[in-house]
Amino acid sequence: MFDITKITIPTTGPGAININEKLKIGDIVSALLPYLFTISGIILLLYLIYGGFQYMLSRGDPKAMQAAQGKITTAIVGFVIVFIAYWLVQLLGKVLGLTQIGDIFK
């Protein structure tokens, strides 16, 4: 089971949070964003590889090939969504002058 008490909040480096101030939800999201983008990228890569293996092992079966193509398409669409989300976060950070968000991915 996931134990929320074992989550550590970075106090130095990118996404650092000053623990002497009140913790805000924005601080938590800013600290988690780099990890969420990394995890989603790894999951997308694994899903794409899984779809490719399924396609190779379909042996010409149209139903299995269609299922594999669906997985590959879903992985590519997911990649595009994560890519756009990353750049939207960057853009909003710059436009709104949020230096903490701009420093997250450096």
PDB file of N, CA and C in Angstrom:
ATOM      1  N   MET A   1       0.839  -1.179   0.000  1.00  0.00           N
ATOM      2  CA  MET A   1       0.000   0.000   0.000  1.00  0.00           C
ATOM      3  C   MET A   1       0.881   1.239   0.000  1.00  0.00           C
ATOM      4  N   PHE A   2       0.405   2.283  -0.603  1.00  0.00           N
ATOM      5  CA  PHE A   2       1.144   3.536  -0.716  1.00  0.00           C
ATOM      6  C   PHE A   2       1.068   4.306   0.595  1.00  0.00           C
ATOM      7  N   ASP A   3       2.234   4.654   1.144  1.00  0.00           N
ATOM      8  CA  ASP A   3       2.297   5.379   2.404  1.00  0.00           C
ATOM      9  C   ASP A   3       2.670   6.829   2.136  1.00  0.00           C
ATOM     10  N   ILE A   4       1.721   7.734   2.295  1.00  0.00           N
ATOM     11  CA  ILE A   4       1.922   9.148   1.990  1.00  0.00           C
ATOM     12  C   ILE A   4       2.898   9.820   2.952  1.00  0.00           C
ATOM     13  N   THR A   5       3.110   9.224   4.106  1.00  0.00           N
ATOM     14  CA  THR A   5       4.013   9.835   5.082  1.00  0.00           C
ATOM     15  C   THR A   5       5.477   9.705   4.664  1.00  0.00           C
ATOM     16  N   LYS A   6       5.780   8.838   3.685  1.00  0.00           N
ATOM     17  CA  LYS A   6       7.157   8.638   3.255  1.00  0.00           C
ATOM     18  C   LYS A   6       7.551   9.550   2.098  1.00  0.00           C
ATOM     19  N   ILE A   7       6.660  10.424   1.664  1.00  0.00           N
ATOM     20  CA  ILE A   7       6.979  11.368   0.597  1.00  0.00           C
ATOM     21  C   ILE A   7       7.870  12.461   1.163  1.00  0.00           C
ATOM     22  N   THR A   8       8.982  12.703   0.482  1.00  0.00           N
ATOM     23  CA  THR A   8       9.885  13.774   0.910  1.00  0.00           C
ATOM     24  C   THR A   8       9.741  14.956  -0.029  1.00  0.00           C
ATOM     25  N   ILE A   9       9.821  16.131   0.511  1.00  0.00           N
ATOM     26  CA  ILE A   9       9.691  17.354  -0.262  1.00  0.00           C
ATOM     27  C   ILE A   9      11.079  17.941  -0.435  1.00  0.00           C
ATOM     28  N   PRO A  10      11.480  18.207  -1.703  1.00  0.00           N
ATOM     29  CA  PRO A  10      12.818  18.758  -1.908  1.00  0.00           C
ATOM     30  C   PRO A  10      12.945  20.148  -1.308  1.00  0.00           C
ATOM     31  N   THR A  11      14.029  20.387  -0.579  1.00  0.00           N
ATOM     32  CA  THR A  11      14.256  21.702   0.021  1.00  0.00           C
ATOM     33  C   THR A  11      15.405  22.427  -0.647  1.00  0.00           C
ATOM     34  N   THR A  12      16.097  21.762  -1.576  1.00  0.00           N
ATOM     35  CA  THR A  12      17.149  22.409  -2.353  1.00  0.00           C
ATOM     36  C   THR A  12      17.018  21.992  -3.803  1.00  0.00           C
ATOM     37  N   GLY A  13      17.503  22.822  -4.690  1.00  0.00           N
ATOM     38  CA  GLY A  13      17.494  22.497  -6.110  1.00  0.00           C
ATOM     39  C   GLY A  13      16.182  22.875  -6.764  1.00  0.00           C
ATOM     40  N   PRO A  14      15.979  22.411  -8.024  1.00  0.00           N
ATOM     41  CA  PRO A  14      14.760  22.734  -8.758  1.00  0.00           C
ATOM     42  C   PRO A  14      13.519  22.200  -8.042  1.00  0.00           C
ATOM     43  N   GLY A  15      12.500  22.992  -7.970  1.00  0.00           N
ATOM     44  CA  GLY A  15      11.263  22.577  -7.310  1.00  0.00           C
ATOM     45  C   GLY A  15      11.349  22.612  -5.805  1.00  0.00           C
ATOM     46  N   ALA A  16      12.365  23.294  -5.270  1.00  0.00           N
ATOM     47  CA  ALA A  16      12.548  23.337  -3.821  1.00  0.00           C
ATOM     48  C   ALA A  16      11.416  24.107  -3.150  1.00  0.00           C
ATOM     49  N   ILE A  17      11.067  23.678  -1.970  1.00  0.00           N
ATOM     50  CA  ILE A  17       9.997  24.298  -1.201  1.00  0.00           C
ATOM     51  C   ILE A  17      10.571  24.752   0.130  1.00  0.00           C
ATOM     52  N   ASN A  18      10.277  25.968   0.491  1.00  0.00           N
ATOM     53  CA  ASN A  18      10.709  26.475   1.784  1.00  0.00           C
ATOM     54  C   ASN A  18       9.802  25.879   2.855  1.00  0.00           C
ATOM     55  N   ILE A  19      10.349  25.020   3.696  1.00  0.00           N
ATOM     56  CA  ILE A  19       9.518  24.310   4.669  1.00  0.00           C
ATOM     57  C   ILE A  19       9.118  25.199   5.843  1.00  0.00           C
ATOM     58  N   ASN A  20       9.661  26.397   5.927  1.00  0.00           N
ATOM     59  CA  ASN A  20       9.273  27.303   6.995  1.00  0.00           C
ATOM     60  C   ASN A  20       7.982  28.042   6.682  1.00  0.00           C
ATOM     61  N   GLU A  21       7.571  28.033   5.413  1.00  0.00           N
ATOM     62  CA  GLU A  21       6.317  28.669   5.017  1.00  0.00           C
ATOM     63  C   GLU A  21       5.201  27.628   5.027  1.00  0.00           C
ATOM     64  N   LYS A  22       3.956  28.117   4.943  1.00  0.00           N
ATOM     65  CA  LYS A  22       2.830  27.194   4.839  1.00  0.00           C
ATOM     66  C   LYS A  22       2.890  26.496   3.486  1.00  0.00           C
ATOM     67  N   LEU A  23       2.641  25.210   3.503  1.00  0.00           N
ATOM     68  CA  LEU A  23       2.684  24.413   2.286  1.00  0.00           C
ATOM     69  C   LEU A  23       1.399  24.624   1.497  1.00  0.00           C
ATOM     70  N   LYS A  24       1.541  24.998   0.227  1.00  0.00           N
ATOM     71  CA  LYS A  24       0.394  25.238  -0.636  1.00  0.00           C
ATOM     72  C   LYS A  24       0.305  24.127  -1.668  1.00  0.00           C
ATOM     73  N   ILE A  25      -0.889  23.945  -2.221  1.00  0.00           N
ATOM     74  CA  ILE A  25      -1.085  22.898  -3.215  1.00  0.00           C
ATOM     75  C   ILE A  25      -0.236  23.164  -4.450  1.00  0.00           C
ATOM     76  N   GLY A  26      -0.039  24.437  -4.792  1.00  0.00           N
ATOM     77  CA  GLY A  26       0.807  24.779  -5.939  1.00  0.00           C
ATOM     78  C   GLY A  26       2.244  24.344  -5.735  1.00  0.00           C
ATOM     79  N   ASP A  27       2.726  24.434  -4.504  1.00  0.00           N
ATOM     80  CA  ASP A  27       4.087  23.988  -4.204  1.00  0.00           C
ATOM     81  C   ASP A  27       4.221  22.480  -4.376  1.00  0.00           C
ATOM     82  N   ILE A  28       3.216  21.774  -3.943  1.00  0.00           N
ATOM     83  CA  ILE A  28       3.241  20.315  -4.068  1.00  0.00           C
ATOM     84  C   ILE A  28       3.211  19.905  -5.539  1.00  0.00           C
ATOM     85  N   VAL A  29       2.328  20.541  -6.318  1.00  0.00           N
ATOM     86  CA  VAL A  29       2.236  20.227  -7.741  1.00  0.00           C
ATOM     87  C   VAL A  29       3.551  20.562  -8.439  1.00  0.00           C
ATOM     88  N   SER A  30       4.142  21.712  -8.114  1.00  0.00           N
ATOM     89  CA  SER A  30       5.418  22.104  -8.719  1.00  0.00           C
ATOM     90  C   SER A  30       6.519  21.111  -8.390  1.00  0.00           C
ATOM     91  N   ALA A  31       6.504  20.577  -7.194  1.00  0.00           N
ATOM     92  CA  ALA A  31       7.523  19.603  -6.800  1.00  0.00           C
ATOM     93  C   ALA A  31       7.310  18.254  -7.495  1.00  0.00           C
ATOM     94  N   LEU A  32       6.054  17.904  -7.777  1.00  0.00           N
ATOM     95  CA  LEU A  32       5.759  16.604  -8.374  1.00  0.00           C
ATOM     96  C   LEU A  32       5.816  16.588  -9.897  1.00  0.00           C
ATOM     97  N   LEU A  33       5.685  17.746 -10.549  1.00  0.00           N
ATOM     98  CA  LEU A  33       5.610  17.783 -12.011  1.00  0.00           C
ATOM     99  C   LEU A  33       6.770  17.090 -12.722  1.00  0.00           C
ATOM    100  N   PRO A  34       8.012  17.334 -12.370  1.00  0.00           N
ATOM    101  CA  PRO A  34       9.087  16.640 -13.101  1.00  0.00           C
ATOM    102  C   PRO A  34       8.982  15.127 -12.999  1.00  0.00           C
ATOM    103  N   TYR A  35       8.588  14.640 -11.843  1.00  0.00           N
ATOM    104  CA  TYR A  35       8.456  13.196 -11.657  1.00  0.00           C
ATOM    105  C   TYR A  35       7.276  12.647 -12.452  1.00  0.00           C
ATOM    106  N   LEU A  36       6.182  13.389 -12.499  1.00  0.00           N
ATOM    107  CA  LEU A  36       5.010  12.936 -13.245  1.00  0.00           C
ATOM    108  C   LEU A  36       5.303  12.861 -14.738  1.00  0.00           C
ATOM    109  N   PHE A  37       6.009  13.866 -15.273  1.00  0.00           N
ATOM    110  CA  PHE A  37       6.348  13.833 -16.689  1.00  0.00           C
ATOM    111  C   PHE A  37       7.316  12.688 -16.996  1.00  0.00           C
ATOM    112  N   THR A  38       8.249  12.432 -16.123  1.00  0.00           N
ATOM    113  CA  THR A  38       9.194  11.334 -16.326  1.00  0.00           C
ATOM    114  C   THR A  38       8.487   9.989 -16.282  1.00  0.00           C
ATOM    115  N   ILE A  39       7.650   9.795 -15.290  1.00  0.00           N
ATOM    116  CA  ILE A  39       6.915   8.538 -15.162  1.00  0.00           C
ATOM    117  C   ILE A  39       5.991   8.320 -16.353  1.00  0.00           C
ATOM    118  N   SER A  40       5.307   9.373 -16.786  1.00  0.00           N
ATOM    119  CA  SER A  40       4.408   9.221 -17.928  1.00  0.00           C
ATOM    120  C   SER A  40       5.193   8.894 -19.198  1.00  0.00           C
ATOM    121  N   GLY A  41       6.379   9.464 -19.364  1.00  0.00           N
ATOM    122  CA  GLY A  41       7.205   9.144 -20.521  1.00  0.00           C
ATOM    123  C   GLY A  41       7.648   7.692 -20.525  1.00  0.00           C
ATOM    124  N   ILE A  42       8.022   7.182 -19.364  1.00  0.00           N
ATOM    125  CA  ILE A  42       8.433   5.779 -19.268  1.00  0.00           C
ATOM    126  C   ILE A  42       7.260   4.855 -19.561  1.00  0.00           C
ATOM    127  N   ILE A  43       6.100   5.170 -19.020  1.00  0.00           N
ATOM    128  CA  ILE A  43       4.905   4.349 -19.263  1.00  0.00           C
ATOM    129  C   ILE A  43       4.538   4.366 -20.740  1.00  0.00           C
ATOM    130  N   LEU A  44       4.627   5.541 -21.379  1.00  0.00           N
ATOM    131  CA  LEU A  44       4.324   5.629 -22.801  1.00  0.00           C
ATOM    132  C   LEU A  44       5.289   4.790 -23.627  1.00  0.00           C
ATOM    133  N   LEU A  45       6.569   4.831 -23.294  1.00  0.00           N
ATOM    134  CA  LEU A  45       7.551   4.036 -24.023  1.00  0.00           C
ATOM    135  C   LEU A  45       7.266   2.543 -23.877  1.00  0.00           C
ATOM    136  N   LEU A  46       6.973   2.116 -22.656  1.00  0.00           N
ATOM    137  CA  LEU A  46       6.675   0.703 -22.434  1.00  0.00           C
ATOM    138  C   LEU A  46       5.419   0.262 -23.177  1.00  0.00           C
ATOM    139  N   TYR A  47       4.410   1.124 -23.217  1.00  0.00           N
ATOM    140  CA  TYR A  47       3.160   0.801 -23.911  1.00  0.00           C
ATOM    141  C   TYR A  47       3.400   0.710 -25.419  1.00  0.00           C
ATOM    142  N   LEU A  48       4.251   1.591 -25.939  1.00  0.00           N
ATOM    143  CA  LEU A  48       4.583   1.560 -27.360  1.00  0.00           C
ATOM    144  C   LEU A  48       5.351   0.278 -27.704  1.00  0.00           C
ATOM    145  N   ILE A  49       6.287  -0.104 -26.873  1.00  0.00           N
ATOM    146  CA  ILE A  49       7.036  -1.341 -27.087  1.00  0.00           C
ATOM    147  C   ILE A  49       6.108  -2.548 -27.002  1.00  0.00           C
ATOM    148  N   TYR A  50       5.198  -2.536 -26.038  1.00  0.00           N
ATOM    149  CA  TYR A  50       4.231  -3.631 -25.899  1.00  0.00           C
ATOM    150  C   TYR A  50       3.376  -3.760 -27.159  1.00  0.00           C
ATOM    151  N   GLY A  51       2.899  -2.637 -27.697  1.00  0.00           N
ATOM    152  CA  GLY A  51       2.113  -2.666 -28.923  1.00  0.00           C
ATOM    153  C   GLY A  51       2.924  -3.174 -30.101  1.00  0.00           C
ATOM    154  N   GLY A  52       4.206  -2.800 -30.169  1.00  0.00           N
ATOM    155  CA  GLY A  52       5.063  -3.286 -31.238  1.00  0.00           C
ATOM    156  C   GLY A  52       5.280  -4.788 -31.165  1.00  0.00           C
ATOM    157  N   PHE A  53       5.528  -5.293 -29.964  1.00  0.00           N
ATOM    158  CA  PHE A  53       5.674  -6.743 -29.802  1.00  0.00           C
ATOM    159  C   PHE A  53       4.382  -7.463 -30.155  1.00  0.00           C
ATOM    160  N   GLN A  54       3.270  -6.911 -29.740  1.00  0.00           N
ATOM    161  CA  GLN A  54       1.988  -7.534 -30.051  1.00  0.00           C
ATOM    162  C   GLN A  54       1.769  -7.550 -31.565  1.00  0.00           C
ATOM    163  N   TYR A  55       2.191  -6.499 -32.250  1.00  0.00           N
ATOM    164  CA  TYR A  55       2.044  -6.432 -33.706  1.00  0.00           C
ATOM    165  C   TYR A  55       2.937  -7.479 -34.382  1.00  0.00           C
ATOM    166  N   MET A  56       4.173  -7.612 -33.895  1.00  0.00           N
ATOM    167  CA  MET A  56       5.092  -8.590 -34.486  1.00  0.00           C
ATOM    168  C   MET A  56       4.601 -10.016 -34.259  1.00  0.00           C
ATOM    169  N   LEU A  57       3.988 -10.257 -33.119  1.00  0.00           N
ATOM    170  CA  LEU A  57       3.559 -11.614 -32.787  1.00  0.00           C
ATOM    171  C   LEU A  57       2.143 -11.937 -33.272  1.00  0.00           C
ATOM    172  N   SER A  58       1.517 -11.018 -33.997  1.00  0.00           N
ATOM    173  CA  SER A  58       0.139 -11.256 -34.450  1.00  0.00           C
ATOM    174  C   SER A  58       0.069 -12.282 -35.574  1.00  0.00           C
ATOM    175  N   ARG A  59       1.178 -12.511 -36.257  1.00  0.00           N
ATOM    176  CA  ARG A  59       1.270 -13.516 -37.329  1.00  0.00           C
ATOM    177  C   ARG A  59       0.210 -13.333 -38.402  1.00  0.00           C
ATOM    178  N   GLY A  60      -0.096 -12.093 -38.719  1.00  0.00           N
ATOM    179  CA  GLY A  60      -1.036 -11.823 -39.805  1.00  0.00           C
ATOM    180  C   GLY A  60      -2.497 -11.896 -39.425  1.00  0.00           C
ATOM    181  N   ASP A  61      -2.810 -12.206 -38.181  1.00  0.00           N
ATOM    182  CA  ASP A  61      -4.199 -12.242 -37.739  1.00  0.00           C
ATOM    183  C   ASP A  61      -4.743 -10.811 -37.728  1.00  0.00           C
ATOM    184  N   PRO A  62      -5.759 -10.524 -38.553  1.00  0.00           N
ATOM    185  CA  PRO A  62      -6.247  -9.144 -38.664  1.00  0.00           C
ATOM    186  C   PRO A  62      -6.751  -8.566 -37.342  1.00  0.00           C
ATOM    187  N   LYS A  63      -7.385  -9.387 -36.542  1.00  0.00           N
ATOM    188  CA  LYS A  63      -7.908  -8.899 -35.265  1.00  0.00           C
ATOM    189  C   LYS A  63      -6.772  -8.517 -34.315  1.00  0.00           C
ATOM    190  N   ALA A  64      -5.750  -9.366 -34.233  1.00  0.00           N
ATOM    191  CA  ALA A  64      -4.600  -9.089 -33.363  1.00  0.00           C
ATOM    192  C   ALA A  64      -3.803  -7.893 -33.874  1.00  0.00           C
ATOM    193  N   MET A  65      -3.683  -7.771 -35.206  1.00  0.00           N
ATOM    194  CA  MET A  65      -2.966  -6.631 -35.781  1.00  0.00           C
ATOM    195  C   MET A  65      -3.700  -5.330 -35.485  1.00  0.00           C
ATOM    196  N   GLN A  66      -5.014  -5.354 -35.571  1.00  0.00           N
ATOM    197  CA  GLN A  66      -5.805  -4.159 -35.289  1.00  0.00           C
ATOM    198  C   GLN A  66      -5.689  -3.759 -33.808  1.00  0.00           C
ATOM    199  N   ALA A  67      -5.673  -4.738 -32.923  1.00  0.00           N
ATOM    200  CA  ALA A  67      -5.511  -4.453 -31.488  1.00  0.00           C
ATOM    201  C   ALA A  67      -4.137  -3.846 -31.223  1.00  0.00           C
ATOM    202  N   ALA A  68      -3.107  -4.393 -31.878  1.00  0.00           N
ATOM    203  CA  ALA A  68      -1.752  -3.864 -31.700  1.00  0.00           C
ATOM    204  C   ALA A  68      -1.647  -2.450 -32.257  1.00  0.00           C
ATOM    205  N   GLN A  69      -2.231  -2.209 -33.410  1.00  0.00           N
ATOM    206  CA  GLN A  69      -2.208  -0.867 -33.992  1.00  0.00           C
ATOM    207  C   GLN A  69      -2.932   0.127 -33.094  1.00  0.00           C
ATOM    208  N   GLY A  70      -3.990  -0.328 -32.446  1.00  0.00           N
ATOM    209  CA  GLY A  70      -4.705   0.535 -31.507  1.00  0.00           C
ATOM    210  C   GLY A  70      -3.829   0.918 -30.323  1.00  0.00           C
ATOM    211  N   LYS A  71      -3.057  -0.036 -29.819  1.00  0.00           N
ATOM    212  CA  LYS A  71      -2.142   0.261 -28.702  1.00  0.00           C
ATOM    213  C   LYS A  71      -1.055   1.248 -29.130  1.00  0.00           C
ATOM    214  N   ILE A  72      -0.507   1.050 -30.324  1.00  0.00           N
ATOM    215  CA  ILE A  72       0.528   1.946 -30.817  1.00  0.00           C
ATOM    216  C   ILE A  72      -0.038   3.345 -31.024  1.00  0.00           C
ATOM    217  N   THR A  73      -1.221   3.431 -31.598  1.00  0.00           N
ATOM    218  CA  THR A  73      -1.862   4.733 -31.808  1.00  0.00           C
ATOM    219  C   THR A  73      -2.138   5.421 -30.485  1.00  0.00           C
ATOM    220  N   THR A  74      -2.623   4.667 -29.519  1.00  0.00           N
ATOM    221  CA  THR A  74      -2.901   5.231 -28.196  1.00  0.00           C
ATOM    222  C   THR A  74      -1.622   5.759 -27.545  1.00  0.00           C
ATOM    223  N   ALA A  75      -0.529   5.014 -27.695  1.00  0.00           N
ATOM    224  CA  ALA A  75       0.748   5.450 -27.123  1.00  0.00           C
ATOM    225  C   ALA A  75       1.229   6.737 -27.787  1.00  0.00           C
ATOM    226  N   ILE A  76       1.083   6.841 -29.097  1.00  0.00           N
ATOM    227  CA  ILE A  76       1.520   8.046 -29.805  1.00  0.00           C
ATOM    228  C   ILE A  76       0.658   9.241 -29.422  1.00  0.00           C
ATOM    229  N   VAL A  77      -0.646   9.047 -29.334  1.00  0.00           N
ATOM    230  CA  VAL A  77      -1.538  10.136 -28.914  1.00  0.00           C
ATOM    231  C   VAL A  77      -1.201  10.560 -27.483  1.00  0.00           C
ATOM    232  N   GLY A  78      -0.932   9.598 -26.615  1.00  0.00           N
ATOM    233  CA  GLY A  78      -0.531   9.918 -25.243  1.00  0.00           C
ATOM    234  C   GLY A  78       0.759  10.711 -25.202  1.00  0.00           C
ATOM    235  N   PHE A  79       1.719  10.343 -26.063  1.00  0.00           N
ATOM    236  CA  PHE A  79       2.976  11.090 -26.130  1.00  0.00           C
ATOM    237  C   PHE A  79       2.730  12.535 -26.543  1.00  0.00           C
ATOM    238  N   VAL A  80       1.874  12.728 -27.537  1.00  0.00           N
ATOM    239  CA  VAL A  80       1.569  14.089 -27.991  1.00  0.00           C
ATOM    240  C   VAL A  80       0.915  14.890 -26.861  1.00  0.00           C
ATOM    241  N   ILE A  81       0.015  14.265 -26.127  1.00  0.00           N
ATOM    242  CA  ILE A  81      -0.648  14.959 -25.015  1.00  0.00           C
ATOM    243  C   ILE A  81       0.357  15.349 -23.939  1.00  0.00           C
ATOM    244  N   VAL A  82       1.256  14.440 -23.568  1.00  0.00           N
ATOM    245  CA  VAL A  82       2.268  14.748 -22.546  1.00  0.00           C
ATOM    246  C   VAL A  82       3.215  15.827 -23.052  1.00  0.00           C
ATOM    247  N   PHE A  83       3.603  15.761 -24.319  1.00  0.00           N
ATOM    248  CA  PHE A  83       4.498  16.759 -24.903  1.00  0.00           C
ATOM    249  C   PHE A  83       3.859  18.142 -24.871  1.00  0.00           C
ATOM    250  N   ILE A  84       2.593  18.224 -25.271  1.00  0.00           N
ATOM    251  CA  ILE A  84       1.884  19.511 -25.253  1.00  0.00           C
ATOM    252  C   ILE A  84       1.704  19.997 -23.819  1.00  0.00           C
ATOM    253  N   ALA A  85       1.405  19.105 -22.898  1.00  0.00           N
ATOM    254  CA  ALA A  85       1.229  19.501 -21.494  1.00  0.00           C
ATOM    255  C   ALA A  85       2.522  20.070 -20.935  1.00  0.00           C
ATOM    256  N   TYR A  86       3.644  19.460 -21.265  1.00  0.00           N
ATOM    257  CA  TYR A  86       4.940  19.950 -20.804  1.00  0.00           C
ATOM    258  C   TYR A  86       5.165  21.383 -21.280  1.00  0.00           C
ATOM    259  N   TRP A  87       4.933  21.618 -22.563  1.00  0.00           N
ATOM    260  CA  TRP A  87       5.185  22.954 -23.103  1.00  0.00           C
ATOM    261  C   TRP A  87       4.147  23.961 -22.629  1.00  0.00           C
ATOM    262  N   LEU A  88       2.928  23.530 -22.373  1.00  0.00           N
ATOM    263  CA  LEU A  88       1.933  24.453 -21.803  1.00  0.00           C
ATOM    264  C   LEU A  88       2.340  24.888 -20.401  1.00  0.00           C
ATOM    265  N   VAL A  89       2.866  23.967 -19.615  1.00  0.00           N
ATOM    266  CA  VAL A  89       3.341  24.313 -18.273  1.00  0.00           C
ATOM    267  C   VAL A  89       4.480  25.319 -18.382  1.00  0.00           C
ATOM    268  N   GLN A  90       5.405  25.072 -19.304  1.00  0.00           N
ATOM    269  CA  GLN A  90       6.512  26.001 -19.506  1.00  0.00           C
ATOM    270  C   GLN A  90       6.013  27.371 -19.940  1.00  0.00           C
ATOM    271  N   LEU A  91       5.098  27.385 -20.904  1.00  0.00           N
ATOM    272  CA  LEU A  91       4.574  28.640 -21.430  1.00  0.00           C
ATOM    273  C   LEU A  91       3.806  29.410 -20.362  1.00  0.00           C
ATOM    274  N   LEU A  92       2.950  28.730 -19.629  1.00  0.00           N
ATOM    275  CA  LEU A  92       2.198  29.405 -18.573  1.00  0.00           C
ATOM    276  C   LEU A  92       3.114  29.925 -17.482  1.00  0.00           C
ATOM    277  N   GLY A  93       4.159  29.196 -17.189  1.00  0.00           N
ATOM    278  CA  GLY A  93       5.133  29.659 -16.204  1.00  0.00           C
ATOM    279  C   GLY A  93       5.807  30.939 -16.647  1.00  0.00           C
ATOM    280  N   LYS A  94       6.147  31.024 -17.922  1.00  0.00           N
ATOM    281  CA  LYS A  94       6.790  32.235 -18.443  1.00  0.00           C
ATOM    282  C   LYS A  94       5.808  33.399 -18.518  1.00  0.00           C
ATOM    283  N   VAL A  95       4.603  33.135 -19.030  1.00  0.00           N
ATOM    284  CA  VAL A  95       3.614  34.202 -19.200  1.00  0.00           C
ATOM    285  C   VAL A  95       3.179  34.771 -17.858  1.00  0.00           C
ATOM    286  N   LEU A  96       2.955  33.920 -16.890  1.00  0.00           N
ATOM    287  CA  LEU A  96       2.484  34.372 -15.588  1.00  0.00           C
ATOM    288  C   LEU A  96       3.614  34.790 -14.661  1.00  0.00           C
ATOM    289  N   GLY A  97       4.847  34.651 -15.120  1.00  0.00           N
ATOM    290  CA  GLY A  97       5.986  35.057 -14.315  1.00  0.00           C
ATOM    291  C   GLY A  97       6.235  34.170 -13.109  1.00  0.00           C
ATOM    292  N   LEU A  98       5.868  32.918 -13.210  1.00  0.00           N
ATOM    293  CA  LEU A  98       6.076  31.980 -12.121  1.00  0.00           C
ATOM    294  C   LEU A  98       7.468  31.386 -12.266  1.00  0.00           C
ATOM    295  N   THR A  99       8.406  31.926 -11.546  1.00  0.00           N
ATOM    296  CA  THR A  99       9.784  31.483 -11.686  1.00  0.00           C
ATOM    297  C   THR A  99       9.977  30.073 -11.179  1.00  0.00           C
ATOM    298  N   GLN A 100       9.208  29.663 -10.203  1.00  0.00           N
ATOM    299  CA  GLN A 100       9.377  28.303  -9.662  1.00  0.00           C
ATOM    300  C   GLN A 100       9.041  27.262 -10.719  1.00  0.00           C
ATOM    301  N   ILE A 101       7.979  27.486 -11.487  1.00  0.00           N
ATOM    302  CA  ILE A 101       7.608  26.534 -12.532  1.00  0.00           C
ATOM    303  C   ILE A 101       8.661  26.545 -13.635  1.00  0.00           C
ATOM    304  N   GLY A 102       9.171  27.705 -13.982  1.00  0.00           N
ATOM    305  CA  GLY A 102      10.206  27.781 -15.014  1.00  0.00           C
ATOM    306  C   GLY A 102      11.477  27.073 -14.619  1.00  0.00           C
ATOM    307  N   ASP A 103      11.773  26.990 -13.330  1.00  0.00           N
ATOM    308  CA  ASP A 103      12.995  26.363 -12.856  1.00  0.00           C
ATOM    309  C   ASP A 103      12.840  24.861 -12.627  1.00  0.00           C
ATOM    310  N   ILE A 104      11.640  24.336 -12.725  1.00  0.00           N
ATOM    311  CA  ILE A 104      11.398  22.926 -12.423  1.00  0.00           C
ATOM    312  C   ILE A 104      12.189  22.016 -13.342  1.00  0.00           C
ATOM    313  N   PHE A 105      12.195  22.315 -14.623  1.00  0.00           N
ATOM    314  CA  PHE A 105      12.733  21.383 -15.611  1.00  0.00           C
ATOM    315  C   PHE A 105      14.183  21.669 -15.979  1.00  0.00           C
ATOM    316  N   LYS A 106      14.864  22.476 -15.220  1.00  0.00           N
ATOM    317  CA  LYS A 106      16.274  22.782 -15.528  1.00  0.00           C
ATOM    318  C   LYS A 106      17.183  21.929 -14.704  1.00  0.00           C
TER     319      LYS A 106
END
